[in-house]
N, C-alpha and C. Protein backbone atom coordinates (compact mmCIF):
# COMPACT_ATOMS: atom_id res chain seq x y z
N MET A 1 -1.07 -22.86 -81.71
CA MET A 1 -0.84 -23.31 -80.18
C MET A 1 -0.05 -22.10 -79.90
N LYS A 2 1.05 -21.55 -80.26
CA LYS A 2 1.64 -20.59 -80.01
C LYS A 2 0.79 -19.00 -79.58
N LYS A 3 -0.11 -19.02 -80.71
CA LYS A 3 -1.16 -17.76 -80.52
C LYS A 3 -1.86 -18.17 -79.25
N THR A 4 -2.48 -19.16 -79.14
CA THR A 4 -3.28 -19.41 -77.77
C THR A 4 -2.51 -19.16 -76.45
N LEU A 5 -1.52 -19.63 -76.72
CA LEU A 5 -0.53 -19.41 -75.27
C LEU A 5 -0.26 -18.07 -75.28
N ILE A 6 0.19 -17.23 -76.31
CA ILE A 6 0.56 -15.68 -75.91
C ILE A 6 -0.90 -14.97 -75.60
N LEU A 7 -2.17 -15.40 -76.12
CA LEU A 7 -3.19 -15.08 -75.85
C LEU A 7 -3.41 -15.32 -74.19
N ALA A 8 -3.31 -16.59 -73.75
CA ALA A 8 -3.39 -16.95 -72.41
C ALA A 8 -2.47 -15.88 -71.44
N ILE A 9 -1.32 -15.85 -71.94
CA ILE A 9 -0.25 -14.91 -71.14
C ILE A 9 -0.88 -13.57 -71.16
N ILE A 10 -1.39 -13.05 -72.12
CA ILE A 10 -1.73 -11.73 -71.97
C ILE A 10 -2.91 -11.32 -71.21
N ALA A 11 -4.12 -12.24 -71.44
CA ALA A 11 -5.10 -12.51 -70.74
C ALA A 11 -4.80 -12.48 -69.15
N THR A 12 -3.89 -13.35 -68.72
CA THR A 12 -3.47 -13.42 -67.20
C THR A 12 -2.59 -12.26 -66.61
N ALA A 13 -2.03 -11.64 -67.58
CA ALA A 13 -1.23 -10.38 -67.37
C ALA A 13 -2.34 -9.13 -66.74
N ALA A 14 -3.38 -9.00 -67.95
CA ALA A 14 -4.37 -8.13 -67.60
C ALA A 14 -5.14 -8.44 -66.25
N ILE A 15 -5.54 -9.79 -66.08
CA ILE A 15 -6.43 -10.26 -65.08
C ILE A 15 -5.40 -9.72 -63.61
N SER A 16 -4.41 -10.19 -63.67
CA SER A 16 -3.42 -9.90 -62.61
C SER A 16 -2.99 -8.48 -62.27
N GLY A 17 -3.08 -7.59 -63.43
CA GLY A 17 -2.98 -5.99 -63.32
C GLY A 17 -4.11 -5.51 -62.68
N ALA A 18 -5.47 -5.86 -63.40
CA ALA A 18 -6.80 -5.60 -62.53
C ALA A 18 -6.74 -6.06 -61.16
N ASP A 19 -6.43 -7.25 -60.70
CA ASP A 19 -6.40 -7.64 -59.36
C ASP A 19 -5.27 -6.75 -58.62
N SER A 20 -4.31 -6.52 -59.03
CA SER A 20 -3.48 -5.72 -58.23
C SER A 20 -4.05 -4.21 -58.04
N PHE A 21 -4.69 -3.57 -59.30
CA PHE A 21 -5.22 -2.42 -58.88
C PHE A 21 -6.35 -2.31 -57.95
N LYS A 22 -7.00 -3.20 -58.09
CA LYS A 22 -8.31 -3.24 -57.20
C LYS A 22 -7.69 -3.59 -55.65
N LYS A 23 -6.54 -4.35 -55.47
CA LYS A 23 -6.15 -4.63 -54.15
C LYS A 23 -5.62 -3.43 -53.76
N GLU A 24 -4.78 -2.82 -54.53
CA GLU A 24 -4.29 -1.52 -53.88
C GLU A 24 -5.21 -0.35 -53.65
N ILE A 25 -6.40 -0.46 -54.56
CA ILE A 25 -7.50 0.58 -53.99
C ILE A 25 -8.40 0.31 -52.74
N ALA A 26 -8.58 -1.09 -52.64
CA ALA A 26 -9.30 -1.53 -51.58
C ALA A 26 -8.57 -1.52 -50.25
N LYS A 27 -7.26 -1.60 -50.24
CA LYS A 27 -6.56 -1.50 -49.05
C LYS A 27 -6.80 -0.80 -47.78
N HIS A 28 -7.53 0.47 -48.19
CA HIS A 28 -8.29 1.47 -47.20
C HIS A 28 -9.65 1.01 -46.75
N ASP A 29 -10.01 0.13 -47.53
CA ASP A 29 -11.71 0.18 -47.13
C ASP A 29 -12.21 -0.18 -45.67
N SER A 30 -11.33 -1.11 -44.88
CA SER A 30 -11.68 -1.43 -43.56
C SER A 30 -11.31 -0.03 -42.70
N HIS A 31 -10.28 0.65 -42.87
CA HIS A 31 -10.15 2.05 -42.07
C HIS A 31 -11.12 2.81 -42.34
N ILE A 32 -11.55 3.12 -43.70
CA ILE A 32 -12.72 3.82 -44.04
C ILE A 32 -13.96 3.49 -43.29
N LYS A 33 -14.49 2.33 -43.06
CA LYS A 33 -15.52 1.67 -42.50
C LYS A 33 -15.50 2.03 -41.07
N ALA A 34 -14.33 1.78 -40.43
CA ALA A 34 -14.02 2.18 -38.91
C ALA A 34 -14.30 3.64 -38.75
N PHE A 35 -13.95 4.32 -39.50
CA PHE A 35 -14.28 5.87 -39.40
C PHE A 35 -15.66 6.41 -39.30
N PHE A 36 -16.37 5.53 -40.41
CA PHE A 36 -18.07 5.81 -40.63
C PHE A 36 -18.50 5.28 -39.48
N LEU A 37 -18.23 4.35 -38.97
CA LEU A 37 -19.08 3.66 -37.86
C LEU A 37 -18.90 4.54 -36.61
N LYS A 38 -17.72 5.11 -36.47
CA LYS A 38 -17.61 6.23 -35.25
C LYS A 38 -18.09 7.31 -35.47
N ARG A 39 -18.52 7.66 -36.90
CA ARG A 39 -19.04 8.99 -37.37
C ARG A 39 -18.06 10.18 -37.03
N ASP A 40 -16.75 9.56 -37.60
CA ASP A 40 -15.54 10.41 -37.19
C ASP A 40 -15.10 10.87 -38.72
N ALA A 41 -15.83 12.18 -39.15
CA ALA A 41 -15.56 12.67 -40.36
C ALA A 41 -14.09 13.25 -40.45
N ASP A 42 -13.50 13.80 -39.15
CA ASP A 42 -12.54 14.46 -39.36
C ASP A 42 -11.35 13.52 -39.18
N GLY A 43 -11.45 12.22 -38.47
CA GLY A 43 -10.64 11.26 -38.89
C GLY A 43 -10.32 10.67 -40.13
N PHE A 44 -11.65 10.58 -40.70
CA PHE A 44 -11.61 10.29 -42.00
C PHE A 44 -10.86 10.76 -43.01
N GLY A 45 -11.02 12.01 -42.78
CA GLY A 45 -10.54 13.24 -43.71
C GLY A 45 -9.01 13.35 -43.63
N LYS A 46 -8.39 13.24 -42.35
CA LYS A 46 -6.94 13.02 -42.24
C LYS A 46 -6.25 11.94 -42.71
N TYR A 47 -7.22 10.71 -42.72
CA TYR A 47 -6.64 9.10 -43.23
C TYR A 47 -6.64 9.28 -44.65
N ILE A 48 -7.78 9.75 -45.16
CA ILE A 48 -7.81 9.73 -46.62
C ILE A 48 -7.23 10.66 -47.55
N ARG A 49 -7.02 11.89 -47.16
CA ARG A 49 -6.35 13.04 -47.62
C ARG A 49 -4.87 12.67 -48.51
N PRO A 50 -4.28 12.11 -47.92
CA PRO A 50 -3.05 11.48 -48.82
C PRO A 50 -3.13 10.62 -49.78
N PHE A 51 -4.42 10.20 -50.16
CA PHE A 51 -4.74 9.28 -51.07
C PHE A 51 -5.89 9.99 -52.16
N VAL A 52 -5.81 11.07 -52.11
CA VAL A 52 -6.63 11.85 -53.27
C VAL A 52 -5.97 12.78 -54.03
N THR A 53 -5.84 12.93 -55.28
CA THR A 53 -5.28 14.02 -55.70
C THR A 53 -5.49 15.37 -55.44
N SER A 54 -4.54 16.35 -55.68
CA SER A 54 -4.69 17.67 -55.37
C SER A 54 -5.72 18.36 -56.09
N ASP A 55 -6.19 17.85 -57.35
CA ASP A 55 -7.50 18.68 -57.89
C ASP A 55 -8.62 17.42 -57.95
N PHE A 56 -8.58 16.86 -56.80
CA PHE A 56 -9.71 15.80 -56.76
C PHE A 56 -11.08 16.55 -56.96
N VAL A 57 -12.06 15.89 -57.63
CA VAL A 57 -13.24 16.37 -57.82
C VAL A 57 -14.46 15.14 -57.42
N HIS A 58 -15.56 15.85 -56.31
CA HIS A 58 -16.61 15.17 -56.03
C HIS A 58 -17.91 15.48 -56.89
N SER A 59 -18.59 14.71 -57.37
CA SER A 59 -19.87 14.89 -58.29
C SER A 59 -20.95 14.33 -57.74
N GLU A 60 -22.14 15.20 -57.36
CA GLU A 60 -23.04 14.54 -57.12
C GLU A 60 -24.42 15.51 -57.29
N HIS A 61 -25.32 14.91 -58.07
CA HIS A 61 -26.56 15.86 -58.46
C HIS A 61 -26.26 17.17 -59.27
N GLY A 62 -25.26 16.84 -60.17
CA GLY A 62 -24.79 18.19 -60.82
C GLY A 62 -23.91 19.16 -60.03
N GLN A 63 -23.67 18.74 -58.99
CA GLN A 63 -22.93 19.67 -58.14
C GLN A 63 -21.32 19.29 -58.17
N THR A 64 -20.41 20.08 -58.37
CA THR A 64 -19.07 19.90 -58.30
C THR A 64 -18.28 20.16 -57.08
N MET A 65 -17.96 19.47 -56.26
CA MET A 65 -17.09 20.02 -55.03
C MET A 65 -15.41 19.52 -55.08
N ASN A 66 -14.59 20.28 -54.25
CA ASN A 66 -13.53 19.60 -54.11
C ASN A 66 -13.64 18.91 -52.65
N PHE A 67 -12.13 18.55 -52.73
CA PHE A 67 -11.92 17.67 -51.22
C PHE A 67 -12.53 18.30 -50.19
N ASP A 68 -12.43 19.57 -49.88
CA ASP A 68 -12.64 20.17 -48.52
C ASP A 68 -14.08 20.57 -48.51
N GLN A 69 -14.44 20.96 -49.56
CA GLN A 69 -16.23 21.27 -49.70
C GLN A 69 -16.67 19.75 -49.34
N MET A 70 -16.27 18.46 -50.14
CA MET A 70 -17.18 17.36 -49.84
C MET A 70 -16.91 16.88 -48.51
N MET A 71 -15.76 17.19 -47.76
CA MET A 71 -15.58 16.73 -46.32
C MET A 71 -16.54 17.55 -45.54
N GLY A 72 -16.90 19.04 -45.50
CA GLY A 72 -17.98 19.75 -45.06
C GLY A 72 -19.32 18.96 -45.05
N GLU A 73 -19.92 18.53 -46.41
CA GLU A 73 -20.83 17.98 -46.58
C GLU A 73 -20.87 16.71 -45.90
N MET A 74 -19.91 15.95 -45.77
CA MET A 74 -19.85 14.56 -45.23
C MET A 74 -20.14 14.73 -43.88
N LYS A 75 -19.39 15.70 -43.01
CA LYS A 75 -19.52 16.02 -41.78
C LYS A 75 -20.80 16.46 -41.38
N MET A 76 -21.37 17.12 -42.04
CA MET A 76 -22.82 17.35 -41.74
C MET A 76 -23.82 16.37 -41.84
N GLY A 77 -23.55 15.24 -43.04
CA GLY A 77 -24.29 14.10 -43.01
C GLY A 77 -24.03 13.00 -42.01
N LEU A 78 -22.80 12.92 -41.95
CA LEU A 78 -22.50 11.72 -40.28
C LEU A 78 -23.28 12.64 -39.31
N GLY A 79 -23.17 13.79 -39.12
CA GLY A 79 -23.84 14.43 -37.81
C GLY A 79 -25.10 14.10 -37.53
N MET A 80 -26.03 13.86 -38.68
CA MET A 80 -27.20 13.55 -38.65
C MET A 80 -27.44 12.14 -38.07
N TYR A 81 -26.70 11.17 -37.93
CA TYR A 81 -27.03 10.11 -37.40
C TYR A 81 -26.43 10.02 -35.86
N LYS A 82 -27.20 9.35 -34.90
CA LYS A 82 -27.17 9.10 -33.67
C LYS A 82 -26.12 8.01 -33.58
N LYS A 83 -26.51 6.71 -34.60
CA LYS A 83 -25.29 5.89 -34.42
C LYS A 83 -25.48 5.19 -36.12
N ILE A 84 -24.24 4.69 -36.31
CA ILE A 84 -24.08 4.21 -37.33
C ILE A 84 -23.77 2.60 -37.41
N ASP A 85 -24.51 1.80 -38.01
CA ASP A 85 -24.38 0.30 -37.66
C ASP A 85 -24.16 -0.69 -39.16
N THR A 86 -24.38 0.19 -40.03
CA THR A 86 -24.04 -0.42 -41.41
C THR A 86 -23.34 0.47 -42.36
N VAL A 87 -21.86 -0.40 -42.95
CA VAL A 87 -20.91 0.49 -43.86
C VAL A 87 -20.77 -0.71 -44.51
N SER A 88 -21.09 -0.68 -45.94
CA SER A 88 -20.46 -1.52 -46.90
C SER A 88 -20.09 -0.93 -48.13
N MET A 89 -18.95 -1.47 -48.97
CA MET A 89 -18.90 -1.05 -50.22
C MET A 89 -18.33 -2.14 -51.09
N LYS A 90 -18.93 -2.30 -52.21
CA LYS A 90 -18.56 -3.67 -53.16
C LYS A 90 -18.02 -2.81 -54.56
N TYR A 91 -17.01 -3.67 -54.96
CA TYR A 91 -16.57 -3.18 -56.32
C TYR A 91 -17.21 -3.86 -57.32
N MET A 92 -18.03 -3.25 -58.04
CA MET A 92 -18.76 -3.87 -59.09
C MET A 92 -17.97 -4.19 -60.29
N SER A 93 -17.00 -3.23 -60.36
CA SER A 93 -16.12 -3.42 -61.71
C SER A 93 -14.84 -2.74 -61.33
N THR A 94 -13.72 -3.22 -61.80
CA THR A 94 -12.39 -2.27 -61.72
C THR A 94 -11.49 -2.63 -63.01
N SER A 95 -11.05 -1.46 -63.39
CA SER A 95 -9.89 -1.60 -64.80
C SER A 95 -8.93 -0.56 -64.54
N SER A 96 -7.47 -0.84 -65.13
CA SER A 96 -6.83 0.29 -65.43
C SER A 96 -5.99 -0.02 -66.53
N LYS A 97 -5.46 0.90 -66.76
CA LYS A 97 -4.55 1.19 -68.12
C LYS A 97 -3.56 2.33 -67.89
N GLY A 98 -2.28 1.90 -67.78
CA GLY A 98 -1.19 2.72 -67.72
C GLY A 98 -1.40 3.58 -66.10
N ASN A 99 -1.43 4.83 -66.31
CA ASN A 99 -1.52 5.34 -64.87
C ASN A 99 -2.91 5.94 -64.45
N GLU A 100 -3.89 5.08 -65.25
CA GLU A 100 -5.53 5.73 -65.03
C GLU A 100 -6.19 4.34 -64.61
N GLY A 101 -6.74 4.20 -63.62
CA GLY A 101 -7.95 3.31 -63.31
C GLY A 101 -9.10 3.90 -63.08
N TRP A 102 -9.91 2.56 -62.92
CA TRP A 102 -11.48 3.16 -62.80
C TRP A 102 -12.15 1.93 -61.95
N ALA A 103 -13.45 2.42 -61.19
CA ALA A 103 -13.86 1.35 -60.20
C ALA A 103 -15.25 2.05 -60.54
N THR A 104 -16.14 1.08 -60.35
CA THR A 104 -17.68 1.31 -60.22
C THR A 104 -18.15 0.71 -58.69
N CYS A 105 -18.15 1.04 -57.73
CA CYS A 105 -18.54 0.91 -56.53
C CYS A 105 -20.09 0.87 -56.19
N TRP A 106 -20.28 0.09 -55.22
CA TRP A 106 -21.79 0.31 -54.52
C TRP A 106 -21.64 0.60 -53.17
N HIS A 107 -22.39 1.40 -52.56
CA HIS A 107 -22.13 1.84 -51.41
C HIS A 107 -23.48 1.70 -50.46
N LYS A 108 -23.36 1.42 -49.22
CA LYS A 108 -24.48 1.20 -48.19
C LYS A 108 -24.30 1.79 -46.80
N MET A 109 -25.02 2.70 -46.48
CA MET A 109 -24.68 3.09 -44.88
C MET A 109 -25.77 3.36 -44.25
N GLY A 110 -26.10 3.00 -42.90
CA GLY A 110 -27.29 3.20 -42.41
C GLY A 110 -27.23 2.97 -40.66
N GLY A 111 -27.98 3.48 -40.03
CA GLY A 111 -27.97 3.76 -38.82
C GLY A 111 -29.36 4.30 -38.22
N THR A 112 -29.08 4.97 -36.93
CA THR A 112 -30.37 5.74 -36.57
C THR A 112 -30.08 7.08 -36.21
N MET A 113 -31.28 7.77 -36.37
CA MET A 113 -31.06 9.29 -36.02
C MET A 113 -32.50 9.69 -35.29
N VAL A 114 -32.38 10.85 -34.63
CA VAL A 114 -33.36 11.50 -34.18
C VAL A 114 -33.80 12.42 -34.92
N GLY A 115 -35.31 12.06 -35.13
CA GLY A 115 -35.95 13.24 -36.33
C GLY A 115 -36.44 14.26 -35.44
N ALA A 116 -37.00 15.21 -36.09
CA ALA A 116 -37.70 16.54 -35.69
C ALA A 116 -38.71 16.04 -34.56
N ASP A 117 -39.65 15.09 -35.07
CA ASP A 117 -40.32 14.54 -33.96
C ASP A 117 -40.29 14.02 -32.62
N LYS A 118 -38.41 13.96 -32.44
CA LYS A 118 -37.63 13.55 -31.30
C LYS A 118 -37.81 12.09 -31.15
N LYS A 119 -38.50 11.51 -32.22
CA LYS A 119 -38.26 9.97 -31.99
C LYS A 119 -37.00 9.52 -32.86
N THR A 120 -36.69 8.29 -32.35
CA THR A 120 -35.56 7.65 -33.33
C THR A 120 -36.26 6.88 -34.53
N HIS A 121 -35.27 7.41 -35.50
CA HIS A 121 -35.80 6.72 -36.95
C HIS A 121 -34.46 5.99 -37.47
N ARG A 122 -34.74 4.84 -38.59
CA ARG A 122 -33.83 4.39 -39.26
C ARG A 122 -33.87 5.09 -40.58
N MET A 123 -32.25 5.44 -40.70
CA MET A 123 -31.73 6.05 -42.28
C MET A 123 -30.98 5.28 -42.85
N GLU A 124 -31.15 5.00 -44.03
CA GLU A 124 -30.23 4.14 -45.02
C GLU A 124 -29.89 5.18 -46.25
N PHE A 125 -28.74 5.05 -46.51
CA PHE A 125 -28.11 5.54 -47.89
C PHE A 125 -27.79 4.63 -48.72
N ILE A 126 -28.11 4.53 -50.08
CA ILE A 126 -27.51 3.38 -50.93
C ILE A 126 -27.28 4.12 -52.26
N GLY A 127 -25.92 3.90 -52.89
CA GLY A 127 -25.69 4.68 -54.05
C GLY A 127 -24.41 3.62 -54.61
N THR A 128 -24.28 4.45 -56.16
CA THR A 128 -23.37 3.83 -56.79
C THR A 128 -22.46 5.06 -57.23
N THR A 129 -20.96 4.69 -57.23
CA THR A 129 -20.02 6.07 -57.68
C THR A 129 -19.25 5.18 -58.74
N LYS A 130 -18.79 6.35 -59.41
CA LYS A 130 -17.92 6.11 -60.82
C LYS A 130 -16.79 6.82 -60.35
N ASN A 131 -15.57 6.12 -59.91
CA ASN A 131 -14.36 6.46 -59.51
C ASN A 131 -13.41 6.59 -60.50
N THR A 132 -12.43 7.63 -60.40
CA THR A 132 -11.29 7.70 -61.30
C THR A 132 -10.08 7.86 -60.64
N TYR A 133 -9.22 6.94 -60.90
CA TYR A 133 -7.77 7.13 -60.25
C TYR A 133 -6.77 7.28 -61.04
N ARG A 134 -5.68 7.91 -60.28
CA ARG A 134 -4.49 8.62 -61.13
C ARG A 134 -3.38 7.85 -60.42
N LYS A 135 -2.43 7.41 -61.15
CA LYS A 135 -1.02 7.09 -60.29
C LYS A 135 -0.21 8.20 -60.30
N GLU A 136 0.22 8.30 -58.84
CA GLU A 136 1.15 9.60 -58.77
C GLU A 136 2.32 9.05 -57.73
N ASN A 137 3.43 9.28 -58.43
CA ASN A 137 4.54 8.81 -57.47
C ASN A 137 4.34 7.33 -57.17
N GLY A 138 3.75 6.35 -58.16
CA GLY A 138 3.89 5.02 -57.73
C GLY A 138 2.47 4.40 -56.87
N GLU A 139 1.86 5.53 -56.66
CA GLU A 139 0.57 5.08 -55.96
C GLU A 139 -0.94 5.70 -56.36
N TRP A 140 -1.75 4.92 -56.26
CA TRP A 140 -3.22 5.26 -56.78
C TRP A 140 -3.78 6.04 -55.86
N LYS A 141 -4.16 7.38 -56.61
CA LYS A 141 -5.07 8.10 -56.00
C LYS A 141 -6.18 8.64 -56.41
N LEU A 142 -7.21 8.73 -55.74
CA LEU A 142 -8.42 9.04 -56.00
C LEU A 142 -8.81 10.22 -56.77
N ALA A 143 -9.08 10.75 -58.03
CA ALA A 143 -9.15 11.96 -58.71
C ALA A 143 -10.64 12.31 -58.89
N LYS A 144 -11.53 11.24 -58.95
CA LYS A 144 -12.71 11.82 -59.24
C LYS A 144 -13.97 10.90 -58.63
N MET A 145 -14.78 11.11 -57.96
CA MET A 145 -15.83 10.44 -57.50
C MET A 145 -17.20 10.87 -58.05
N GLU A 146 -17.77 10.05 -58.83
CA GLU A 146 -19.03 10.91 -59.50
C GLU A 146 -20.13 9.81 -58.82
N TRP A 147 -21.20 10.31 -58.16
CA TRP A 147 -22.36 9.60 -57.81
C TRP A 147 -23.32 9.23 -59.15
N THR A 148 -23.46 8.24 -59.57
CA THR A 148 -24.48 7.99 -60.53
C THR A 148 -25.60 7.87 -60.27
N GLU A 149 -25.94 7.31 -59.05
CA GLU A 149 -27.27 6.91 -58.40
C GLU A 149 -27.03 6.98 -56.93
N ASP A 150 -28.28 7.55 -56.25
CA ASP A 150 -28.13 7.33 -55.06
C ASP A 150 -29.78 7.14 -54.52
N LYS A 151 -30.03 6.85 -53.17
CA LYS A 151 -31.13 6.91 -52.72
C LYS A 151 -31.19 7.07 -51.22
N MET A 152 -32.24 7.63 -50.53
CA MET A 152 -32.11 7.57 -49.01
C MET A 152 -33.38 7.21 -48.60
N MET A 153 -33.37 6.13 -47.37
CA MET A 153 -34.50 5.52 -46.96
C MET A 153 -34.79 6.00 -45.80
N LEU A 154 -36.07 6.52 -45.20
CA LEU A 154 -36.22 6.79 -43.64
C LEU A 154 -37.15 5.68 -43.32
N ASP A 155 -36.96 5.05 -42.35
CA ASP A 155 -37.74 3.96 -41.85
C ASP A 155 -38.30 2.93 -42.81
N GLY A 156 -37.50 2.57 -43.93
CA GLY A 156 -37.87 2.01 -45.04
C GLY A 156 -38.62 2.48 -46.11
N LYS A 157 -38.89 3.73 -46.26
CA LYS A 157 -39.64 4.12 -47.31
C LYS A 157 -38.56 5.56 -47.84
N PRO A 158 -38.85 5.64 -48.89
CA PRO A 158 -38.09 6.77 -49.88
C PRO A 158 -37.85 7.83 -48.86
N PHE A 159 -36.85 8.56 -48.95
CA PHE A 159 -36.75 9.95 -48.34
C PHE A 159 -35.72 10.96 -49.05
N ASP A 160 -36.25 12.02 -49.22
CA ASP A 160 -35.60 13.35 -49.76
C ASP A 160 -35.42 14.33 -49.02
N PRO A 161 -33.99 14.34 -48.58
CA PRO A 161 -33.87 15.18 -47.38
C PRO A 161 -33.95 16.81 -47.91
N SER A 162 -33.91 17.05 -49.14
CA SER A 162 -33.81 18.46 -49.67
C SER A 162 -35.27 18.97 -49.47
N ALA A 163 -36.15 17.91 -49.38
CA ALA A 163 -37.78 18.30 -49.41
C ALA A 163 -38.15 18.73 -47.87
N GLN A 164 -37.07 18.19 -46.97
CA GLN A 164 -37.16 18.67 -45.63
C GLN A 164 -36.52 19.73 -45.22
N GLY A 165 -36.03 20.28 -46.13
CA GLY A 165 -35.40 21.81 -45.76
C GLY A 165 -33.76 21.30 -45.08
N HIS A 166 -33.35 20.06 -45.28
CA HIS A 166 -32.02 19.81 -44.66
C HIS A 166 -30.92 19.94 -45.87
N GLY A 167 -31.19 20.13 -47.19
CA GLY A 167 -30.35 20.00 -48.04
C GLY A 167 -29.65 18.48 -48.13
N LYS A 168 -29.03 18.47 -49.48
CA LYS A 168 -28.45 16.99 -49.71
C LYS A 168 -27.12 17.54 -50.41
């Protein structure tokens, strides 16, 4: 009986710790969504900068970038859109131990853009990241964001912008 009670207490503490970690990292989601819907890369950068580590690493398709490089790419990407109407993120899993935490996140962003043909098209981006967090001065900060899968769709069909000369 005591053994079962101890295991139940440990399990409850672990779940509570995971919920606390998830709640802490998710507190920025509504702000991030608002910046993306406004296509405001500069505002996003200013808002999120204090919540990433000084040695932050962004990894995508084998390319590694620091925060400023990632922001440059993001600004260019958001600039492709005429209007963004869909921004969502779901935590598929979260865990933490000590001063380290991990989250696997699913992302989706969509909207309209004007193509080279001067017509309006629907562009969607869907992907999954594996994020690593580090607790610094009592606050969780994003240390690494690694894209494990992503795809773009143009008018509902797979789209590779690098094949169009736009780079990715």
